């Protein structure tokens, strides 16, 4: 017969691992950037959440498309932070 405490410990450990992996899967990536609009001339600083890998390269690609749709030009991605 298996000790009930052993089963309980194994179950708790399994649940803890499951929640740890689930939390990592839902981590958000926040990109901090500068952008501009030429007419009229305006400078922007903002932060936004991006999807996919939390890298400067991925942030540049996504922000360039997103900002172009708003008539803005990406100047620089200052940082990316996984939360």
N, C-alpha and C. Protein backbone atom coordinates (compact mmCIF):
# COMPACT_ATOMS: atom_id res chain seq x y z
N UNK A 1 0.84 -1.18 0.00
CA UNK A 1 0.00 0.00 0.00
C UNK A 1 0.89 1.25 0.00
N UNK A 2 0.52 2.25 -0.80
CA UNK A 2 1.27 3.48 -0.91
C UNK A 2 0.81 4.44 0.18
N UNK A 3 1.74 5.08 0.79
CA UNK A 3 1.45 6.04 1.86
C UNK A 3 0.67 7.23 1.29
N UNK A 4 -0.44 7.66 1.88
CA UNK A 4 -1.21 8.79 1.38
C UNK A 4 -0.39 10.10 1.32
N UNK A 5 0.54 10.28 2.24
CA UNK A 5 1.36 11.50 2.23
C UNK A 5 2.28 11.52 1.00
N UNK A 6 2.77 10.37 0.59
CA UNK A 6 3.64 10.30 -0.58
C UNK A 6 2.85 10.69 -1.83
N UNK A 7 1.65 10.19 -1.95
CA UNK A 7 0.80 10.53 -3.10
C UNK A 7 0.45 12.01 -3.10
N UNK A 8 0.17 12.55 -1.93
CA UNK A 8 -0.16 13.96 -1.81
C UNK A 8 1.03 14.83 -2.22
N UNK A 9 2.21 14.46 -1.76
CA UNK A 9 3.42 15.23 -2.11
C UNK A 9 3.66 15.19 -3.62
N UNK A 10 3.50 14.01 -4.22
CA UNK A 10 3.72 13.88 -5.66
C UNK A 10 2.70 14.71 -6.43
N UNK A 11 1.45 14.71 -5.96
CA UNK A 11 0.40 15.49 -6.62
C UNK A 11 0.69 16.98 -6.53
N UNK A 12 1.10 17.42 -5.36
CA UNK A 12 1.41 18.85 -5.17
C UNK A 12 2.60 19.24 -6.05
N UNK A 13 3.61 18.42 -6.11
CA UNK A 13 4.78 18.70 -6.95
C UNK A 13 4.39 18.76 -8.43
N UNK A 14 3.55 17.84 -8.86
CA UNK A 14 3.09 17.83 -10.26
C UNK A 14 2.30 19.10 -10.57
N UNK A 15 1.43 19.52 -9.68
CA UNK A 15 0.66 20.74 -9.89
C UNK A 15 1.56 21.97 -9.91
N UNK A 16 2.54 22.00 -9.03
CA UNK A 16 3.46 23.14 -9.01
C UNK A 16 4.22 23.25 -10.32
N UNK A 17 4.66 22.13 -10.85
CA UNK A 17 5.36 22.13 -12.15
C UNK A 17 4.44 22.59 -13.27
N UNK A 18 3.21 22.12 -13.25
CA UNK A 18 2.23 22.50 -14.27
C UNK A 18 1.99 24.00 -14.25
N UNK A 19 1.80 24.58 -13.06
CA UNK A 19 1.57 26.02 -12.96
C UNK A 19 2.81 26.81 -13.36
N UNK A 20 3.98 26.32 -13.06
CA UNK A 20 5.20 27.02 -13.44
C UNK A 20 5.35 27.08 -14.96
N UNK A 21 5.08 25.97 -15.64
CA UNK A 21 5.17 25.95 -17.10
C UNK A 21 4.07 26.80 -17.72
N UNK A 22 2.88 26.79 -17.15
CA UNK A 22 1.78 27.59 -17.68
C UNK A 22 2.08 29.07 -17.53
N UNK A 23 2.68 29.46 -16.43
CA UNK A 23 3.02 30.87 -16.21
C UNK A 23 4.06 31.33 -17.24
N UNK A 24 5.03 30.50 -17.56
CA UNK A 24 6.03 30.87 -18.55
C UNK A 24 5.42 31.00 -19.93
N UNK A 25 4.44 30.17 -20.24
CA UNK A 25 3.81 30.21 -21.56
C UNK A 25 3.02 31.50 -21.77
N UNK A 26 2.57 32.12 -20.70
CA UNK A 26 1.76 33.33 -20.81
C UNK A 26 2.54 34.59 -20.46
N UNK A 27 3.85 34.52 -20.42
CA UNK A 27 4.65 35.70 -20.10
C UNK A 27 4.49 36.73 -21.22
N UNK A 28 4.34 37.97 -20.83
CA UNK A 28 4.15 39.05 -21.79
C UNK A 28 5.49 39.70 -22.10
N UNK A 29 5.61 40.18 -23.31
CA UNK A 29 6.82 40.90 -23.73
C UNK A 29 6.42 42.35 -23.97
N UNK A 30 7.08 43.24 -23.26
CA UNK A 30 6.80 44.67 -23.36
C UNK A 30 7.96 45.34 -24.08
N UNK A 31 7.64 46.10 -25.13
CA UNK A 31 8.66 46.82 -25.89
C UNK A 31 8.51 48.32 -25.63
N UNK A 32 9.63 48.95 -25.37
CA UNK A 32 9.70 50.40 -25.14
C UNK A 32 10.33 50.99 -26.41
N UNK A 33 9.68 52.02 -27.00
CA UNK A 33 10.17 52.52 -28.28
C UNK A 33 9.96 54.02 -28.44
N UNK A 34 10.66 54.57 -29.47
CA UNK A 34 10.49 55.95 -29.91
C UNK A 34 10.05 55.91 -31.37
N UNK A 35 9.15 56.82 -31.72
CA UNK A 35 8.66 56.90 -33.09
C UNK A 35 8.43 58.37 -33.44
N UNK A 36 8.20 58.62 -34.74
CA UNK A 36 7.93 60.00 -35.19
C UNK A 36 6.88 60.00 -36.29
N UNK A 37 6.28 61.18 -36.44
CA UNK A 37 5.39 61.47 -37.57
C UNK A 37 5.95 62.73 -38.21
N UNK A 38 6.04 62.75 -39.53
CA UNK A 38 6.65 63.89 -40.22
C UNK A 38 5.70 65.06 -40.41
N UNK A 39 4.42 64.80 -40.74
CA UNK A 39 3.51 65.90 -41.03
C UNK A 39 2.24 65.76 -40.22
N UNK A 40 2.00 66.56 -39.22
CA UNK A 40 2.93 67.52 -38.62
C UNK A 40 3.99 66.78 -37.82
N UNK A 41 5.14 67.40 -37.65
CA UNK A 41 6.23 66.74 -36.96
C UNK A 41 5.87 66.51 -35.50
N UNK A 42 5.93 65.23 -35.09
CA UNK A 42 5.66 64.85 -33.71
C UNK A 42 6.58 63.70 -33.33
N UNK A 43 7.02 63.72 -32.09
CA UNK A 43 7.82 62.63 -31.55
C UNK A 43 6.98 61.86 -30.53
N UNK A 44 7.16 60.54 -30.51
CA UNK A 44 6.41 59.68 -29.61
C UNK A 44 7.36 58.79 -28.81
N UNK A 45 6.97 58.57 -27.58
CA UNK A 45 7.62 57.56 -26.73
C UNK A 45 6.48 56.75 -26.15
N UNK A 46 6.60 55.42 -26.22
CA UNK A 46 5.52 54.58 -25.70
C UNK A 46 6.05 53.19 -25.37
N UNK A 47 5.23 52.41 -24.71
CA UNK A 47 5.48 51.00 -24.46
C UNK A 47 4.26 50.23 -24.92
N UNK A 48 4.49 49.03 -25.43
CA UNK A 48 3.39 48.19 -25.88
C UNK A 48 3.78 46.73 -25.76
N UNK A 49 2.77 45.89 -25.71
CA UNK A 49 3.01 44.45 -25.62
C UNK A 49 3.14 43.89 -27.04
N UNK A 50 4.12 43.02 -27.23
CA UNK A 50 4.30 42.36 -28.52
C UNK A 50 4.16 40.86 -28.33
N UNK A 51 3.87 40.17 -29.40
CA UNK A 51 3.73 38.72 -29.34
C UNK A 51 4.98 38.06 -29.92
N UNK A 52 5.12 36.78 -29.65
CA UNK A 52 6.27 36.04 -30.17
C UNK A 52 7.48 36.19 -29.27
N UNK A 53 8.66 35.90 -29.82
CA UNK A 53 9.88 35.97 -29.01
C UNK A 53 10.13 37.38 -28.49
N UNK A 54 10.63 37.47 -27.29
CA UNK A 54 10.88 38.77 -26.67
C UNK A 54 12.31 39.21 -27.02
N UNK A 55 12.48 39.62 -28.29
CA UNK A 55 13.78 40.05 -28.78
C UNK A 55 13.65 41.42 -29.43
N UNK A 56 14.77 42.14 -29.51
CA UNK A 56 14.75 43.44 -30.18
C UNK A 56 14.36 43.29 -31.65
N UNK A 57 14.85 42.26 -32.30
CA UNK A 57 14.55 42.04 -33.73
C UNK A 57 13.05 41.82 -33.94
N UNK A 58 12.43 40.99 -33.12
CA UNK A 58 11.00 40.75 -33.25
C UNK A 58 10.21 42.02 -32.93
N UNK A 59 10.64 42.75 -31.92
CA UNK A 59 9.95 44.00 -31.57
C UNK A 59 10.03 45.00 -32.73
N UNK A 60 11.20 45.13 -33.34
CA UNK A 60 11.36 46.04 -34.49
C UNK A 60 10.39 45.66 -35.61
N UNK A 61 10.34 44.37 -35.93
CA UNK A 61 9.48 43.91 -37.03
C UNK A 61 8.01 44.22 -36.75
N UNK A 62 7.55 43.90 -35.55
CA UNK A 62 6.14 44.12 -35.22
C UNK A 62 5.81 45.60 -35.10
N UNK A 63 6.69 46.36 -34.46
CA UNK A 63 6.42 47.79 -34.26
C UNK A 63 6.44 48.55 -35.59
N UNK A 64 7.33 48.19 -36.50
CA UNK A 64 7.39 48.86 -37.79
C UNK A 64 6.05 48.75 -38.51
N UNK A 65 5.48 47.54 -38.53
CA UNK A 65 4.18 47.34 -39.18
C UNK A 65 3.06 48.07 -38.44
N UNK A 66 3.04 47.92 -37.11
CA UNK A 66 1.98 48.52 -36.31
C UNK A 66 1.99 50.04 -36.43
N UNK A 67 3.17 50.63 -36.35
CA UNK A 67 3.27 52.08 -36.39
C UNK A 67 3.00 52.64 -37.78
N UNK A 68 3.41 51.92 -38.82
CA UNK A 68 3.16 52.37 -40.20
C UNK A 68 1.66 52.50 -40.44
N UNK A 69 0.88 51.61 -39.86
CA UNK A 69 -0.58 51.67 -40.02
C UNK A 69 -1.15 52.93 -39.36
N UNK A 70 -0.39 53.52 -38.44
CA UNK A 70 -0.83 54.74 -37.75
C UNK A 70 -0.15 55.99 -38.33
N UNK A 71 0.60 55.81 -39.42
CA UNK A 71 1.29 56.93 -40.04
C UNK A 71 2.55 57.35 -39.29
N UNK A 72 3.12 56.44 -38.52
CA UNK A 72 4.32 56.72 -37.74
C UNK A 72 5.50 55.92 -38.27
N UNK A 73 6.70 56.41 -37.97
CA UNK A 73 7.94 55.72 -38.34
C UNK A 73 8.68 55.36 -37.06
N UNK A 74 9.05 54.10 -36.94
CA UNK A 74 9.81 53.66 -35.78
C UNK A 74 11.21 54.23 -35.84
N UNK A 75 11.63 54.89 -34.76
CA UNK A 75 13.00 55.41 -34.69
C UNK A 75 13.92 54.42 -34.00
N UNK A 76 13.48 53.91 -32.85
CA UNK A 76 14.35 53.02 -32.10
C UNK A 76 13.54 52.22 -31.08
N UNK A 77 13.89 50.93 -30.96
CA UNK A 77 13.35 50.11 -29.87
C UNK A 77 14.36 50.26 -28.73
N UNK A 78 13.91 50.84 -27.64
CA UNK A 78 14.81 51.10 -26.52
C UNK A 78 15.08 49.86 -25.68
N UNK A 79 14.05 49.05 -25.48
CA UNK A 79 14.23 47.84 -24.67
C UNK A 79 13.05 46.90 -24.86
N UNK A 80 13.28 45.63 -24.55
CA UNK A 80 12.22 44.64 -24.47
C UNK A 80 12.34 43.97 -23.10
N UNK A 81 11.20 43.75 -22.46
CA UNK A 81 11.20 43.17 -21.12
C UNK A 81 10.12 42.10 -21.04
N UNK A 82 10.50 40.94 -20.59
CA UNK A 82 9.54 39.85 -20.40
C UNK A 82 8.98 39.94 -18.99
N UNK A 83 7.66 40.00 -18.88
CA UNK A 83 7.03 40.12 -17.55
C UNK A 83 6.28 38.87 -17.19
